[in-house]
Amino acid sequence: MTESSFVHATAEVNDNATVGEGTKIWNNVQVREGSSIGAGCILSKDVYIDTHVKIGSRCKVQNSVSVYQGVTIEDDVFVGPNVSFTNDKVPRAFNDNWSITETLIKCGASLGANSTIVCGVVIGEYAMVAAGSVVTKDVESFTLVMGNPARVVSRIDRDGKKIIEG
């Protein structure tokens, strides 16, 4: 933790977690051991960061998001409220062969509120996932997807504006 970081009195940040310069960690956030949070991030109310999660710099993780082990979030990513990540392809209460399936959210991507990101996918650079979408396969860079299952709606630029092709 750095002097310029802010951790709310109700937050729990494990001593073996790394928190970057200027990061703000708000009410009821838990950051587990081995996790790394970059500089200039905001972790909003009721966020849970599992063990060994990596979050880049300048990311915003909105209220009530749980980021589970196996998820990596690169720089400048927006994670809307109530986004759900999974990390197990075959979830069972008890499984002797349990293993984590990794997920990668690339630089500049934006995940809309209440979207679900099924483990094992890569969300490309500056891609946008519309609110409420269920992502079950990779999303190309500079692409807007929506629906259940999420499907490509259009190509977008770095600012999220539709690219008119033709």
N, C-alpha and C. Protein backbone atom coordinates (compact mmCIF):
# COMPACT_ATOMS: atom_id res chain seq x y z
N MET A 1 0.85 -1.17 0.00
CA MET A 1 0.00 0.00 0.00
C MET A 1 0.90 1.24 0.00
N THR A 2 0.48 2.25 -0.73
CA THR A 2 1.26 3.49 -0.78
C THR A 2 0.55 4.58 0.00
N GLU A 3 1.27 5.64 0.30
CA GLU A 3 0.70 6.75 1.06
C GLU A 3 -0.44 7.43 0.32
N SER A 4 -0.40 7.43 -1.01
CA SER A 4 -1.45 8.11 -1.78
C SER A 4 -2.67 7.22 -2.04
N SER A 5 -2.61 5.97 -1.62
CA SER A 5 -3.77 5.08 -1.74
C SER A 5 -4.77 5.40 -0.64
N PHE A 6 -6.04 5.08 -0.90
CA PHE A 6 -7.08 5.26 0.11
C PHE A 6 -7.77 3.93 0.31
N VAL A 7 -7.89 3.52 1.57
CA VAL A 7 -8.63 2.30 1.91
C VAL A 7 -9.66 2.68 2.97
N HIS A 8 -10.93 2.50 2.65
CA HIS A 8 -12.02 2.79 3.57
C HIS A 8 -11.88 1.94 4.83
N ALA A 9 -12.33 2.46 5.95
CA ALA A 9 -12.21 1.77 7.24
C ALA A 9 -12.88 0.39 7.25
N THR A 10 -13.90 0.18 6.41
CA THR A 10 -14.59 -1.12 6.39
C THR A 10 -13.98 -2.11 5.40
N ALA A 11 -12.99 -1.68 4.63
CA ALA A 11 -12.35 -2.56 3.64
C ALA A 11 -11.30 -3.43 4.31
N GLU A 12 -11.06 -4.62 3.71
CA GLU A 12 -10.02 -5.53 4.18
C GLU A 12 -9.05 -5.78 3.04
N VAL A 13 -7.81 -5.34 3.21
CA VAL A 13 -6.78 -5.57 2.21
C VAL A 13 -5.70 -6.43 2.87
N ASN A 14 -5.51 -7.62 2.35
CA ASN A 14 -4.53 -8.54 2.91
C ASN A 14 -3.13 -7.93 2.82
N ASP A 15 -2.31 -8.20 3.83
CA ASP A 15 -0.94 -7.67 3.87
C ASP A 15 -0.10 -8.18 2.70
N ASN A 16 -0.48 -9.31 2.11
CA ASN A 16 0.27 -9.87 0.98
C ASN A 16 -0.33 -9.51 -0.37
N ALA A 17 -1.19 -8.50 -0.38
CA ALA A 17 -1.72 -7.96 -1.64
C ALA A 17 -0.94 -6.69 -1.97
N THR A 18 -0.88 -6.35 -3.25
CA THR A 18 -0.20 -5.14 -3.69
C THR A 18 -1.24 -4.16 -4.21
N VAL A 19 -1.15 -2.92 -3.75
CA VAL A 19 -2.08 -1.88 -4.18
C VAL A 19 -1.25 -0.70 -4.69
N GLY A 20 -1.53 -0.27 -5.92
CA GLY A 20 -0.76 0.78 -6.56
C GLY A 20 -1.06 2.18 -6.07
N GLU A 21 -0.18 3.05 -6.43
CA GLU A 21 -0.24 4.48 -6.11
C GLU A 21 -1.58 5.08 -6.52
N GLY A 22 -2.22 5.80 -5.59
CA GLY A 22 -3.44 6.54 -5.92
C GLY A 22 -4.70 5.71 -6.06
N THR A 23 -4.65 4.43 -5.76
CA THR A 23 -5.84 3.58 -5.86
C THR A 23 -6.76 3.84 -4.68
N LYS A 24 -8.07 3.83 -4.96
CA LYS A 24 -9.09 4.04 -3.92
C LYS A 24 -9.90 2.76 -3.75
N ILE A 25 -9.97 2.30 -2.50
CA ILE A 25 -10.68 1.08 -2.15
C ILE A 25 -11.78 1.46 -1.17
N TRP A 26 -13.04 1.27 -1.58
CA TRP A 26 -14.18 1.81 -0.83
C TRP A 26 -14.82 0.80 0.11
N ASN A 27 -16.03 1.09 0.58
CA ASN A 27 -16.74 0.36 1.62
C ASN A 27 -16.84 -1.14 1.34
N ASN A 28 -16.56 -1.93 2.35
CA ASN A 28 -16.79 -3.37 2.36
C ASN A 28 -16.07 -4.12 1.23
N VAL A 29 -14.97 -3.59 0.75
CA VAL A 29 -14.18 -4.28 -0.27
C VAL A 29 -13.24 -5.26 0.43
N GLN A 30 -13.04 -6.43 -0.19
CA GLN A 30 -12.06 -7.38 0.30
C GLN A 30 -11.07 -7.68 -0.82
N VAL A 31 -9.77 -7.51 -0.52
CA VAL A 31 -8.70 -7.83 -1.46
C VAL A 31 -7.87 -8.93 -0.80
N ARG A 32 -7.86 -10.12 -1.43
CA ARG A 32 -7.22 -11.29 -0.84
C ARG A 32 -5.73 -11.36 -1.14
N GLU A 33 -5.07 -12.28 -0.48
CA GLU A 33 -3.62 -12.46 -0.57
C GLU A 33 -3.15 -12.78 -1.99
N GLY A 34 -2.00 -12.22 -2.32
CA GLY A 34 -1.40 -12.48 -3.62
C GLY A 34 -1.98 -11.68 -4.76
N SER A 35 -3.01 -10.88 -4.49
CA SER A 35 -3.61 -10.07 -5.55
C SER A 35 -2.78 -8.82 -5.79
N SER A 36 -2.92 -8.30 -7.00
CA SER A 36 -2.18 -7.10 -7.39
C SER A 36 -3.15 -6.13 -8.05
N ILE A 37 -3.26 -4.94 -7.48
CA ILE A 37 -4.12 -3.89 -8.01
C ILE A 37 -3.20 -2.76 -8.45
N GLY A 38 -3.33 -2.31 -9.69
CA GLY A 38 -2.45 -1.28 -10.23
C GLY A 38 -2.71 0.10 -9.67
N ALA A 39 -2.03 1.08 -10.25
CA ALA A 39 -2.13 2.48 -9.82
C ALA A 39 -3.40 3.12 -10.36
N GLY A 40 -3.96 4.05 -9.58
CA GLY A 40 -5.07 4.86 -10.05
C GLY A 40 -6.37 4.12 -10.27
N CYS A 41 -6.56 3.00 -9.59
CA CYS A 41 -7.80 2.22 -9.73
C CYS A 41 -8.85 2.68 -8.72
N ILE A 42 -10.10 2.31 -9.00
CA ILE A 42 -11.19 2.50 -8.05
C ILE A 42 -11.89 1.16 -7.89
N LEU A 43 -11.94 0.68 -6.66
CA LEU A 43 -12.71 -0.52 -6.32
C LEU A 43 -13.88 -0.02 -5.49
N SER A 44 -15.07 -0.06 -6.05
CA SER A 44 -16.26 0.51 -5.42
C SER A 44 -16.83 -0.43 -4.36
N LYS A 45 -17.92 0.01 -3.74
CA LYS A 45 -18.54 -0.68 -2.62
C LYS A 45 -18.83 -2.16 -2.91
N ASP A 46 -18.52 -3.01 -1.93
CA ASP A 46 -18.85 -4.44 -1.94
C ASP A 46 -18.13 -5.24 -3.03
N VAL A 47 -16.95 -4.82 -3.43
CA VAL A 47 -16.15 -5.57 -4.41
C VAL A 47 -15.33 -6.63 -3.68
N TYR A 48 -15.23 -7.80 -4.30
CA TYR A 48 -14.41 -8.90 -3.77
C TYR A 48 -13.35 -9.24 -4.80
N ILE A 49 -12.08 -9.20 -4.38
CA ILE A 49 -10.95 -9.57 -5.24
C ILE A 49 -10.33 -10.83 -4.64
N ASP A 50 -10.43 -11.94 -5.34
CA ASP A 50 -9.97 -13.24 -4.86
C ASP A 50 -8.44 -13.32 -4.89
N THR A 51 -7.92 -14.43 -4.41
CA THR A 51 -6.48 -14.63 -4.35
C THR A 51 -5.86 -14.62 -5.75
N HIS A 52 -4.70 -13.99 -5.84
CA HIS A 52 -3.86 -13.99 -7.04
C HIS A 52 -4.49 -13.36 -8.28
N VAL A 53 -5.50 -12.53 -8.08
CA VAL A 53 -6.09 -11.79 -9.19
C VAL A 53 -5.15 -10.64 -9.54
N LYS A 54 -5.05 -10.36 -10.83
CA LYS A 54 -4.23 -9.24 -11.29
C LYS A 54 -5.12 -8.23 -11.99
N ILE A 55 -5.06 -6.98 -11.50
CA ILE A 55 -5.80 -5.88 -12.09
C ILE A 55 -4.79 -4.79 -12.43
N GLY A 56 -4.82 -4.32 -13.67
CA GLY A 56 -3.88 -3.31 -14.13
C GLY A 56 -4.16 -1.94 -13.54
N SER A 57 -3.58 -0.93 -14.13
CA SER A 57 -3.73 0.45 -13.68
C SER A 57 -4.94 1.13 -14.31
N ARG A 58 -5.45 2.13 -13.61
CA ARG A 58 -6.55 3.00 -14.08
C ARG A 58 -7.82 2.21 -14.40
N CYS A 59 -8.08 1.16 -13.65
CA CYS A 59 -9.30 0.37 -13.82
C CYS A 59 -10.36 0.83 -12.84
N LYS A 60 -11.61 0.69 -13.24
CA LYS A 60 -12.74 1.00 -12.36
C LYS A 60 -13.59 -0.25 -12.26
N VAL A 61 -13.73 -0.75 -11.03
CA VAL A 61 -14.56 -1.92 -10.76
C VAL A 61 -15.72 -1.42 -9.89
N GLN A 62 -16.92 -1.43 -10.46
CA GLN A 62 -18.09 -0.85 -9.81
C GLN A 62 -18.66 -1.77 -8.73
N ASN A 63 -19.71 -1.30 -8.07
CA ASN A 63 -20.31 -1.97 -6.91
C ASN A 63 -20.67 -3.43 -7.17
N SER A 64 -20.44 -4.25 -6.15
CA SER A 64 -20.92 -5.63 -6.06
C SER A 64 -20.37 -6.56 -7.14
N VAL A 65 -19.11 -6.39 -7.47
CA VAL A 65 -18.44 -7.27 -8.43
C VAL A 65 -17.50 -8.20 -7.66
N SER A 66 -17.52 -9.49 -8.00
CA SER A 66 -16.56 -10.45 -7.47
C SER A 66 -15.65 -10.87 -8.61
N VAL A 67 -14.34 -10.65 -8.41
CA VAL A 67 -13.34 -11.04 -9.42
C VAL A 67 -12.60 -12.24 -8.84
N TYR A 68 -12.83 -13.41 -9.45
CA TYR A 68 -12.31 -14.65 -8.90
C TYR A 68 -10.93 -15.01 -9.44
N GLN A 69 -10.24 -15.86 -8.68
CA GLN A 69 -8.92 -16.35 -9.07
C GLN A 69 -8.99 -16.87 -10.50
N GLY A 70 -7.97 -16.54 -11.28
CA GLY A 70 -7.92 -16.94 -12.68
C GLY A 70 -8.28 -15.82 -13.63
N VAL A 71 -8.85 -14.73 -13.09
CA VAL A 71 -9.20 -13.57 -13.92
C VAL A 71 -8.05 -12.57 -13.89
N THR A 72 -7.66 -12.11 -15.08
CA THR A 72 -6.68 -11.04 -15.21
C THR A 72 -7.33 -9.90 -15.96
N ILE A 73 -7.21 -8.70 -15.39
CA ILE A 73 -7.77 -7.49 -15.98
C ILE A 73 -6.61 -6.55 -16.28
N GLU A 74 -6.43 -6.20 -17.56
CA GLU A 74 -5.34 -5.30 -17.94
C GLU A 74 -5.70 -3.84 -17.65
N ASP A 75 -4.87 -2.90 -18.08
CA ASP A 75 -5.04 -1.47 -17.81
C ASP A 75 -6.30 -0.89 -18.45
N ASP A 76 -6.83 0.17 -17.81
CA ASP A 76 -7.91 1.01 -18.36
C ASP A 76 -9.21 0.26 -18.64
N VAL A 77 -9.51 -0.74 -17.84
CA VAL A 77 -10.73 -1.53 -18.02
C VAL A 77 -11.82 -1.01 -17.10
N PHE A 78 -13.05 -0.95 -17.63
CA PHE A 78 -14.24 -0.60 -16.85
C PHE A 78 -15.05 -1.86 -16.63
N VAL A 79 -15.36 -2.14 -15.35
CA VAL A 79 -16.19 -3.28 -14.99
C VAL A 79 -17.44 -2.72 -14.29
N GLY A 80 -18.58 -2.79 -14.96
CA GLY A 80 -19.81 -2.20 -14.45
C GLY A 80 -20.35 -2.93 -13.23
N PRO A 81 -21.35 -2.31 -12.57
CA PRO A 81 -21.90 -2.91 -11.37
C PRO A 81 -22.49 -4.29 -11.63
N ASN A 82 -22.27 -5.17 -10.67
CA ASN A 82 -22.85 -6.53 -10.67
C ASN A 82 -22.37 -7.41 -11.82
N VAL A 83 -21.25 -7.09 -12.45
CA VAL A 83 -20.68 -8.01 -13.44
C VAL A 83 -20.32 -9.30 -12.72
N SER A 84 -20.59 -10.44 -13.39
CA SER A 84 -20.28 -11.75 -12.80
C SER A 84 -19.19 -12.43 -13.61
N PHE A 85 -18.15 -12.85 -12.93
CA PHE A 85 -17.09 -13.66 -13.53
C PHE A 85 -17.22 -15.07 -12.98
N THR A 86 -16.91 -16.07 -13.82
CA THR A 86 -16.82 -17.44 -13.33
C THR A 86 -15.38 -17.90 -13.50
N ASN A 87 -15.01 -18.98 -12.83
CA ASN A 87 -13.65 -19.52 -13.01
C ASN A 87 -13.63 -21.04 -13.06
N ASP A 88 -14.78 -21.64 -13.21
CA ASP A 88 -14.88 -23.10 -13.19
C ASP A 88 -15.86 -23.54 -14.27
N LYS A 89 -15.39 -24.32 -15.25
CA LYS A 89 -16.23 -24.79 -16.34
C LYS A 89 -17.27 -25.81 -15.91
N VAL A 90 -16.97 -26.55 -14.84
CA VAL A 90 -17.89 -27.59 -14.36
C VAL A 90 -18.06 -27.41 -12.84
N PRO A 91 -18.84 -26.42 -12.44
CA PRO A 91 -18.95 -26.15 -11.00
C PRO A 91 -19.74 -27.22 -10.25
N ARG A 92 -19.18 -27.68 -9.18
CA ARG A 92 -19.81 -28.65 -8.28
C ARG A 92 -19.44 -28.25 -6.86
N ALA A 93 -20.28 -28.59 -5.91
CA ALA A 93 -19.97 -28.28 -4.51
C ALA A 93 -18.70 -28.99 -4.06
N PHE A 94 -18.52 -30.22 -4.53
CA PHE A 94 -17.33 -30.99 -4.19
C PHE A 94 -16.81 -31.63 -5.47
N ASN A 95 -15.53 -31.43 -5.77
CA ASN A 95 -14.94 -31.97 -6.99
C ASN A 95 -13.45 -32.17 -6.76
N ASP A 96 -13.01 -33.41 -6.69
CA ASP A 96 -11.60 -33.70 -6.45
C ASP A 96 -10.70 -33.25 -7.59
N ASN A 97 -11.28 -33.07 -8.79
CA ASN A 97 -10.49 -32.67 -9.96
C ASN A 97 -10.68 -31.20 -10.31
N TRP A 98 -11.06 -30.38 -9.35
CA TRP A 98 -11.36 -28.98 -9.59
C TRP A 98 -10.14 -28.24 -10.14
N SER A 99 -10.38 -27.43 -11.15
CA SER A 99 -9.29 -26.59 -11.66
C SER A 99 -9.87 -25.26 -12.14
N ILE A 100 -9.03 -24.26 -12.09
CA ILE A 100 -9.42 -22.91 -12.49
C ILE A 100 -9.23 -22.76 -13.99
N THR A 101 -10.20 -22.12 -14.64
CA THR A 101 -10.10 -21.78 -16.06
C THR A 101 -9.87 -20.28 -16.14
N GLU A 102 -8.78 -19.89 -16.77
CA GLU A 102 -8.39 -18.48 -16.79
C GLU A 102 -9.20 -17.65 -17.78
N THR A 103 -9.34 -16.37 -17.46
CA THR A 103 -10.06 -15.40 -18.27
C THR A 103 -9.19 -14.15 -18.35
N LEU A 104 -9.17 -13.51 -19.54
CA LEU A 104 -8.36 -12.31 -19.74
C LEU A 104 -9.23 -11.19 -20.29
N ILE A 105 -9.19 -10.05 -19.61
CA ILE A 105 -9.88 -8.85 -20.06
C ILE A 105 -8.78 -7.87 -20.48
N LYS A 106 -8.69 -7.58 -21.78
CA LYS A 106 -7.58 -6.80 -22.30
C LYS A 106 -7.79 -5.29 -22.14
N CYS A 107 -6.72 -4.57 -22.35
CA CYS A 107 -6.63 -3.13 -22.16
C CYS A 107 -7.81 -2.37 -22.78
N GLY A 108 -8.43 -1.50 -21.98
CA GLY A 108 -9.46 -0.61 -22.48
C GLY A 108 -10.84 -1.21 -22.66
N ALA A 109 -11.01 -2.49 -22.35
CA ALA A 109 -12.32 -3.12 -22.52
C ALA A 109 -13.32 -2.54 -21.52
N SER A 110 -14.60 -2.68 -21.85
CA SER A 110 -15.67 -2.17 -21.00
C SER A 110 -16.74 -3.25 -20.86
N LEU A 111 -17.04 -3.61 -19.62
CA LEU A 111 -18.03 -4.66 -19.33
C LEU A 111 -19.25 -4.01 -18.70
N GLY A 112 -20.38 -4.05 -19.38
CA GLY A 112 -21.60 -3.39 -18.92
C GLY A 112 -22.20 -4.05 -17.69
N ALA A 113 -23.03 -3.28 -16.99
CA ALA A 113 -23.69 -3.73 -15.77
C ALA A 113 -24.39 -5.07 -15.98
N ASN A 114 -24.27 -5.92 -14.98
CA ASN A 114 -24.96 -7.22 -14.95
C ASN A 114 -24.56 -8.17 -16.07
N SER A 115 -23.46 -7.92 -16.75
CA SER A 115 -23.01 -8.88 -17.75
C SER A 115 -22.36 -10.06 -17.04
N THR A 116 -22.37 -11.21 -17.69
CA THR A 116 -21.76 -12.42 -17.16
C THR A 116 -20.64 -12.83 -18.10
N ILE A 117 -19.46 -13.05 -17.54
CA ILE A 117 -18.29 -13.45 -18.32
C ILE A 117 -17.97 -14.89 -17.93
N VAL A 118 -18.29 -15.83 -18.82
CA VAL A 118 -18.03 -17.24 -18.56
C VAL A 118 -16.53 -17.48 -18.73
N CYS A 119 -15.95 -18.23 -17.82
CA CYS A 119 -14.49 -18.41 -17.79
C CYS A 119 -13.95 -19.02 -19.09
N GLY A 120 -12.68 -18.70 -19.34
CA GLY A 120 -11.99 -19.25 -20.50
C GLY A 120 -12.01 -18.35 -21.71
N VAL A 121 -12.59 -17.16 -21.59
CA VAL A 121 -12.65 -16.26 -22.73
C VAL A 121 -11.61 -15.16 -22.63
N VAL A 122 -11.37 -14.54 -23.79
CA VAL A 122 -10.55 -13.34 -23.87
C VAL A 122 -11.44 -12.23 -24.41
N ILE A 123 -11.52 -11.13 -23.68
CA ILE A 123 -12.24 -9.94 -24.14
C ILE A 123 -11.15 -9.01 -24.70
N GLY A 124 -11.21 -8.71 -25.99
CA GLY A 124 -10.16 -7.97 -26.68
C GLY A 124 -10.05 -6.51 -26.27
N GLU A 125 -8.98 -5.88 -26.74
CA GLU A 125 -8.71 -4.47 -26.45
C GLU A 125 -9.88 -3.59 -26.90
N TYR A 126 -10.31 -2.70 -26.02
CA TYR A 126 -11.35 -1.70 -26.28
C TYR A 126 -12.68 -2.31 -26.74
N ALA A 127 -12.86 -3.60 -26.50
CA ALA A 127 -14.15 -4.23 -26.78
C ALA A 127 -15.16 -3.74 -25.76
N MET A 128 -16.44 -3.79 -26.13
CA MET A 128 -17.52 -3.42 -25.21
C MET A 128 -18.52 -4.56 -25.13
N VAL A 129 -18.87 -4.91 -23.89
CA VAL A 129 -19.89 -5.90 -23.63
C VAL A 129 -21.10 -5.14 -23.09
N ALA A 130 -22.22 -5.21 -23.79
CA ALA A 130 -23.42 -4.48 -23.38
C ALA A 130 -23.97 -5.01 -22.07
N ALA A 131 -24.66 -4.15 -21.35
CA ALA A 131 -25.27 -4.52 -20.07
C ALA A 131 -26.15 -5.76 -20.24
N GLY A 132 -26.04 -6.68 -19.30
CA GLY A 132 -26.87 -7.88 -19.28
C GLY A 132 -26.45 -8.99 -20.21
N SER A 133 -25.38 -8.80 -20.97
CA SER A 133 -24.94 -9.82 -21.93
C SER A 133 -24.29 -11.00 -21.21
N VAL A 134 -24.32 -12.16 -21.89
CA VAL A 134 -23.65 -13.35 -21.39
C VAL A 134 -22.58 -13.74 -22.40
N VAL A 135 -21.32 -13.57 -22.01
CA VAL A 135 -20.19 -13.83 -22.91
C VAL A 135 -19.73 -15.26 -22.72
N THR A 136 -19.85 -16.06 -23.79
CA THR A 136 -19.49 -17.48 -23.73
C THR A 136 -18.31 -17.83 -24.64
N LYS A 137 -17.87 -16.84 -25.46
CA LYS A 137 -16.71 -17.07 -26.33
C LYS A 137 -15.93 -15.76 -26.47
N ASP A 138 -14.73 -15.85 -27.02
CA ASP A 138 -13.86 -14.69 -27.14
C ASP A 138 -14.55 -13.53 -27.86
N VAL A 139 -14.19 -12.31 -27.47
CA VAL A 139 -14.69 -11.10 -28.10
C VAL A 139 -13.49 -10.39 -28.73
N GLU A 140 -13.56 -10.14 -30.03
CA GLU A 140 -12.46 -9.48 -30.72
C GLU A 140 -12.28 -8.05 -30.24
N SER A 141 -11.07 -7.54 -30.39
CA SER A 141 -10.79 -6.14 -30.08
C SER A 141 -11.68 -5.23 -30.90
N PHE A 142 -12.03 -4.06 -30.34
CA PHE A 142 -12.81 -3.02 -31.03
C PHE A 142 -14.14 -3.55 -31.56
N THR A 143 -14.81 -4.38 -30.73
CA THR A 143 -16.09 -4.97 -31.10
C THR A 143 -17.10 -4.74 -29.99
N LEU A 144 -18.34 -4.42 -30.36
CA LEU A 144 -19.45 -4.33 -29.42
C LEU A 144 -20.26 -5.62 -29.52
N VAL A 145 -20.47 -6.27 -28.36
CA VAL A 145 -21.31 -7.47 -28.33
C VAL A 145 -22.46 -7.25 -27.36
N MET A 146 -23.58 -7.93 -27.64
CA MET A 146 -24.72 -7.88 -26.71
C MET A 146 -25.57 -9.12 -26.87
N GLY A 147 -26.37 -9.38 -25.85
CA GLY A 147 -27.32 -10.47 -25.89
C GLY A 147 -26.90 -11.69 -25.10
N ASN A 148 -27.74 -12.72 -25.19
CA ASN A 148 -27.50 -13.99 -24.52
C ASN A 148 -27.79 -15.13 -25.48
N PRO A 149 -26.73 -15.76 -26.01
CA PRO A 149 -25.32 -15.45 -25.77
C PRO A 149 -24.92 -14.18 -26.52
N ALA A 150 -23.86 -13.54 -26.04
CA ALA A 150 -23.40 -12.30 -26.66
C ALA A 150 -22.99 -12.54 -28.11
N ARG A 151 -23.41 -11.63 -28.98
CA ARG A 151 -23.04 -11.72 -30.39
C ARG A 151 -22.61 -10.33 -30.88
N VAL A 152 -21.84 -10.31 -31.93
CA VAL A 152 -21.29 -9.05 -32.45
C VAL A 152 -22.40 -8.19 -33.02
N VAL A 153 -22.40 -6.92 -32.62
CA VAL A 153 -23.36 -5.94 -33.11
C VAL A 153 -22.67 -5.00 -34.09
N SER A 154 -21.47 -4.57 -33.74
CA SER A 154 -20.74 -3.65 -34.64
C SER A 154 -19.27 -3.58 -34.23
N ARG A 155 -18.51 -3.00 -35.14
CA ARG A 155 -17.13 -2.63 -34.84
C ARG A 155 -17.19 -1.25 -34.20
N ILE A 156 -16.28 -0.98 -33.28
CA ILE A 156 -16.26 0.31 -32.59
C ILE A 156 -14.84 0.86 -32.57
N ASP A 157 -14.74 2.17 -32.31
CA ASP A 157 -13.42 2.77 -32.16
C ASP A 157 -13.01 2.74 -30.69
N ARG A 158 -11.89 3.33 -30.40
CA ARG A 158 -11.34 3.33 -29.04
C ARG A 158 -12.28 3.99 -28.03
N ASP A 159 -13.10 4.94 -28.49
CA ASP A 159 -14.04 5.64 -27.61
C ASP A 159 -15.39 4.94 -27.51
N GLY A 160 -15.55 3.81 -28.18
CA GLY A 160 -16.79 3.05 -28.12
C GLY A 160 -17.83 3.47 -29.16
N LYS A 161 -17.44 4.34 -30.09
CA LYS A 161 -18.38 4.79 -31.12
C LYS A 161 -18.38 3.81 -32.29
N LYS A 162 -19.57 3.58 -32.84
CA LYS A 162 -19.74 2.66 -33.97
C LYS A 162 -18.93 3.13 -35.17
N ILE A 163 -18.27 2.19 -35.81
CA ILE A 163 -17.52 2.48 -37.04
C ILE A 163 -18.44 2.18 -38.21
N ILE A 164 -18.65 3.16 -39.04
CA ILE A 164 -19.46 2.98 -40.24
C ILE A 164 -18.53 2.48 -41.35
N GLU A 165 -18.77 1.26 -41.79
CA GLU A 165 -17.91 0.67 -42.81
C GLU A 165 -18.58 0.80 -44.17
N GLY A 166 -17.76 0.92 -45.21
CA GLY A 166 -18.35 0.88 -46.52
C GLY A 166 -17.89 1.90 -47.41
